[in-house]
Each structure stands twice: as C-alpha cells, then as structure tokens.
Amino acid sequence: MFRAEGPRVAVVKDGNKAALVPVTIGRDYGNRVEVTYGLSPGARVIDSPPDSLLDGQTVQIAKPAK
C-alpha cells in the first residue's frame, strides 16, 4: 500500500487485527517489489488489502485451501 506516509504492508497482529507496517522498498520487479526493511520473519502479510483497511481493524483469517 502506498500512502501519504510512505509504503506500508498490512500484516495480521494479535490474532485478528490489521497493522500497517512501514517498509523500505528495494528492487522493483514490475508486479512485485523487494521489501528490504520493516517485516519480521514469519510475518502474516495480508494479500491485496483494500485501500480502506485501517490500522487496528479486525480482519477475518481464511482457512488455507486443501
């Protein structure tokens, strides 16, 4: 997500809350970018979050497809 504050990645924290984490972007591969700073190993990244997602908003976790 690119916001006025700079690039952010939405992650799940505290079980079901969205957190917008500031990140540093490295290389740009077109439809993907390299995140060089800001994410912890094992972070649960929210794939394609809506622009309306707010920090602290409750999110629903989908079960993995079998």
N, C-alpha and C. Protein backbone atom coordinates (compact mmCIF):
# COMPACT_ATOMS: atom_id res chain seq x y z
N MET A 1 0.85 -1.17 0.00
CA MET A 1 0.00 0.00 0.00
C MET A 1 0.89 1.24 0.00
N PHE A 2 0.64 2.14 -0.89
CA PHE A 2 1.36 3.40 -0.88
C PHE A 2 0.43 4.47 -0.33
N ARG A 3 0.81 5.02 0.78
CA ARG A 3 0.01 6.05 1.45
C ARG A 3 0.84 7.32 1.54
N ALA A 4 0.21 8.40 1.98
CA ALA A 4 0.92 9.67 2.11
C ALA A 4 2.13 9.54 3.04
N GLU A 5 2.05 8.64 4.02
CA GLU A 5 3.14 8.43 4.98
C GLU A 5 4.27 7.60 4.39
N GLY A 6 4.08 7.05 3.20
CA GLY A 6 5.08 6.19 2.59
C GLY A 6 4.53 4.78 2.44
N PRO A 7 5.34 3.87 1.88
CA PRO A 7 4.84 2.50 1.64
C PRO A 7 4.58 1.76 2.96
N ARG A 8 3.49 1.01 2.97
CA ARG A 8 3.09 0.21 4.13
C ARG A 8 2.70 -1.18 3.65
N VAL A 9 2.90 -2.16 4.51
CA VAL A 9 2.43 -3.52 4.26
C VAL A 9 1.46 -3.85 5.37
N ALA A 10 0.31 -4.43 5.01
CA ALA A 10 -0.68 -4.83 6.01
C ALA A 10 -0.34 -6.23 6.50
N VAL A 11 -0.23 -6.38 7.82
CA VAL A 11 0.05 -7.67 8.43
C VAL A 11 -0.99 -7.94 9.51
N VAL A 12 -1.10 -9.21 9.90
CA VAL A 12 -2.01 -9.60 10.99
C VAL A 12 -1.22 -9.63 12.28
N LYS A 13 -1.76 -8.96 13.30
CA LYS A 13 -1.14 -8.96 14.62
C LYS A 13 -2.21 -9.30 15.64
N ASP A 14 -1.79 -9.81 16.76
CA ASP A 14 -2.69 -10.12 17.88
C ASP A 14 -3.85 -11.02 17.45
N GLY A 15 -3.59 -11.93 16.54
CA GLY A 15 -4.59 -12.92 16.15
C GLY A 15 -5.51 -12.51 15.03
N ASN A 16 -6.06 -11.29 15.09
CA ASN A 16 -7.03 -10.89 14.06
C ASN A 16 -7.11 -9.38 13.83
N LYS A 17 -6.05 -8.66 14.12
CA LYS A 17 -6.04 -7.21 13.90
C LYS A 17 -5.05 -6.86 12.80
N ALA A 18 -5.45 -5.93 11.95
CA ALA A 18 -4.57 -5.45 10.88
C ALA A 18 -3.61 -4.41 11.45
N ALA A 19 -2.38 -4.48 11.03
CA ALA A 19 -1.38 -3.48 11.37
C ALA A 19 -0.72 -3.02 10.07
N LEU A 20 -0.64 -1.73 9.88
CA LEU A 20 0.00 -1.18 8.69
C LEU A 20 1.44 -0.84 9.06
N VAL A 21 2.37 -1.65 8.56
CA VAL A 21 3.77 -1.57 8.94
C VAL A 21 4.55 -0.80 7.88
N PRO A 22 5.29 0.26 8.29
CA PRO A 22 6.12 0.96 7.31
C PRO A 22 7.26 0.06 6.84
N VAL A 23 7.54 0.09 5.55
CA VAL A 23 8.60 -0.74 4.97
C VAL A 23 9.47 0.09 4.05
N THR A 24 10.66 -0.45 3.81
CA THR A 24 11.57 0.13 2.83
C THR A 24 11.58 -0.79 1.62
N ILE A 25 11.40 -0.19 0.46
CA ILE A 25 11.34 -0.94 -0.79
C ILE A 25 12.72 -0.95 -1.44
N GLY A 26 13.14 -2.13 -1.90
CA GLY A 26 14.41 -2.29 -2.61
C GLY A 26 14.16 -2.28 -4.11
N ARG A 27 14.40 -3.41 -4.74
CA ARG A 27 14.23 -3.52 -6.19
C ARG A 27 12.76 -3.65 -6.57
N ASP A 28 12.42 -3.09 -7.71
CA ASP A 28 11.07 -3.15 -8.25
C ASP A 28 11.08 -4.10 -9.44
N TYR A 29 10.27 -5.16 -9.35
CA TYR A 29 10.22 -6.17 -10.40
C TYR A 29 8.95 -6.06 -11.24
N GLY A 30 8.33 -4.89 -11.25
CA GLY A 30 7.09 -4.72 -12.01
C GLY A 30 5.88 -5.00 -11.15
N ASN A 31 5.42 -6.25 -11.15
CA ASN A 31 4.24 -6.58 -10.35
C ASN A 31 4.62 -7.06 -8.95
N ARG A 32 5.91 -7.05 -8.62
CA ARG A 32 6.40 -7.40 -7.29
C ARG A 32 7.53 -6.43 -6.91
N VAL A 33 7.72 -6.24 -5.61
CA VAL A 33 8.84 -5.43 -5.13
C VAL A 33 9.56 -6.18 -4.02
N GLU A 34 10.80 -5.83 -3.82
CA GLU A 34 11.61 -6.39 -2.75
C GLU A 34 11.44 -5.49 -1.52
N VAL A 35 11.07 -6.09 -0.38
CA VAL A 35 10.98 -5.36 0.88
C VAL A 35 12.30 -5.60 1.61
N THR A 36 13.07 -4.52 1.83
CA THR A 36 14.39 -4.67 2.44
C THR A 36 14.38 -4.38 3.93
N TYR A 37 13.33 -3.75 4.43
CA TYR A 37 13.28 -3.43 5.86
C TYR A 37 11.83 -3.25 6.29
N GLY A 38 11.51 -3.71 7.48
CA GLY A 38 10.20 -3.44 8.07
C GLY A 38 9.40 -4.68 8.42
N LEU A 39 9.64 -5.80 7.73
CA LEU A 39 8.89 -7.02 8.03
C LEU A 39 9.74 -7.98 8.85
N SER A 40 9.12 -8.61 9.82
CA SER A 40 9.79 -9.62 10.64
C SER A 40 9.64 -10.98 9.97
N PRO A 41 10.59 -11.88 10.20
CA PRO A 41 10.43 -13.24 9.68
C PRO A 41 9.14 -13.85 10.22
N GLY A 42 8.40 -14.51 9.36
CA GLY A 42 7.14 -15.14 9.78
C GLY A 42 5.95 -14.20 9.83
N ALA A 43 6.13 -12.95 9.41
CA ALA A 43 5.00 -12.00 9.41
C ALA A 43 3.87 -12.55 8.55
N ARG A 44 2.64 -12.39 9.02
CA ARG A 44 1.47 -12.84 8.27
C ARG A 44 0.95 -11.66 7.44
N VAL A 45 1.40 -11.59 6.20
CA VAL A 45 1.08 -10.49 5.30
C VAL A 45 -0.32 -10.67 4.74
N ILE A 46 -1.08 -9.58 4.71
CA ILE A 46 -2.42 -9.59 4.14
C ILE A 46 -2.28 -9.36 2.63
N ASP A 47 -2.71 -10.33 1.84
CA ASP A 47 -2.59 -10.27 0.39
C ASP A 47 -3.68 -9.38 -0.19
N SER A 48 -3.30 -8.39 -0.95
CA SER A 48 -4.21 -7.47 -1.65
C SER A 48 -5.23 -6.81 -0.71
N PRO A 49 -4.77 -6.10 0.31
CA PRO A 49 -5.72 -5.44 1.21
C PRO A 49 -6.42 -4.28 0.50
N PRO A 50 -7.66 -3.98 0.88
CA PRO A 50 -8.34 -2.84 0.27
C PRO A 50 -7.72 -1.53 0.75
N ASP A 51 -7.82 -0.48 -0.04
CA ASP A 51 -7.29 0.83 0.35
C ASP A 51 -7.97 1.36 1.60
N SER A 52 -9.16 0.87 1.89
CA SER A 52 -9.92 1.34 3.05
C SER A 52 -9.51 0.67 4.36
N LEU A 53 -8.58 -0.31 4.32
CA LEU A 53 -8.16 -1.01 5.52
C LEU A 53 -7.49 -0.05 6.49
N LEU A 54 -7.91 -0.11 7.75
CA LEU A 54 -7.38 0.78 8.78
C LEU A 54 -6.51 0.01 9.76
N ASP A 55 -5.52 0.70 10.31
CA ASP A 55 -4.67 0.12 11.33
C ASP A 55 -5.53 -0.26 12.54
N GLY A 56 -5.42 -1.49 13.02
CA GLY A 56 -6.19 -1.95 14.16
C GLY A 56 -7.53 -2.56 13.81
N GLN A 57 -7.91 -2.52 12.54
CA GLN A 57 -9.19 -3.07 12.11
C GLN A 57 -9.18 -4.59 12.25
N THR A 58 -10.29 -5.16 12.69
CA THR A 58 -10.40 -6.60 12.80
C THR A 58 -10.48 -7.21 11.40
N VAL A 59 -9.72 -8.28 11.19
CA VAL A 59 -9.73 -8.99 9.91
C VAL A 59 -10.12 -10.43 10.14
N GLN A 60 -10.65 -11.05 9.12
CA GLN A 60 -11.06 -12.44 9.19
C GLN A 60 -10.01 -13.27 8.47
N ILE A 61 -9.52 -14.30 9.13
CA ILE A 61 -8.49 -15.15 8.56
C ILE A 61 -9.14 -16.32 7.82
N ALA A 62 -8.81 -16.44 6.54
CA ALA A 62 -9.35 -17.54 5.74
C ALA A 62 -8.56 -18.80 6.01
N LYS A 63 -9.22 -19.93 5.98
CA LYS A 63 -8.54 -21.21 6.14
C LYS A 63 -7.83 -21.53 4.83
N PRO A 64 -6.62 -22.12 4.90
CA PRO A 64 -5.91 -22.46 3.67
C PRO A 64 -6.69 -23.47 2.84
N ALA A 65 -6.57 -23.33 1.54
CA ALA A 65 -7.22 -24.29 0.63
C ALA A 65 -6.51 -25.64 0.75
N LYS A 66 -7.26 -26.71 0.61
CA LYS A 66 -6.67 -28.06 0.71
C LYS A 66 -6.20 -28.54 -0.63
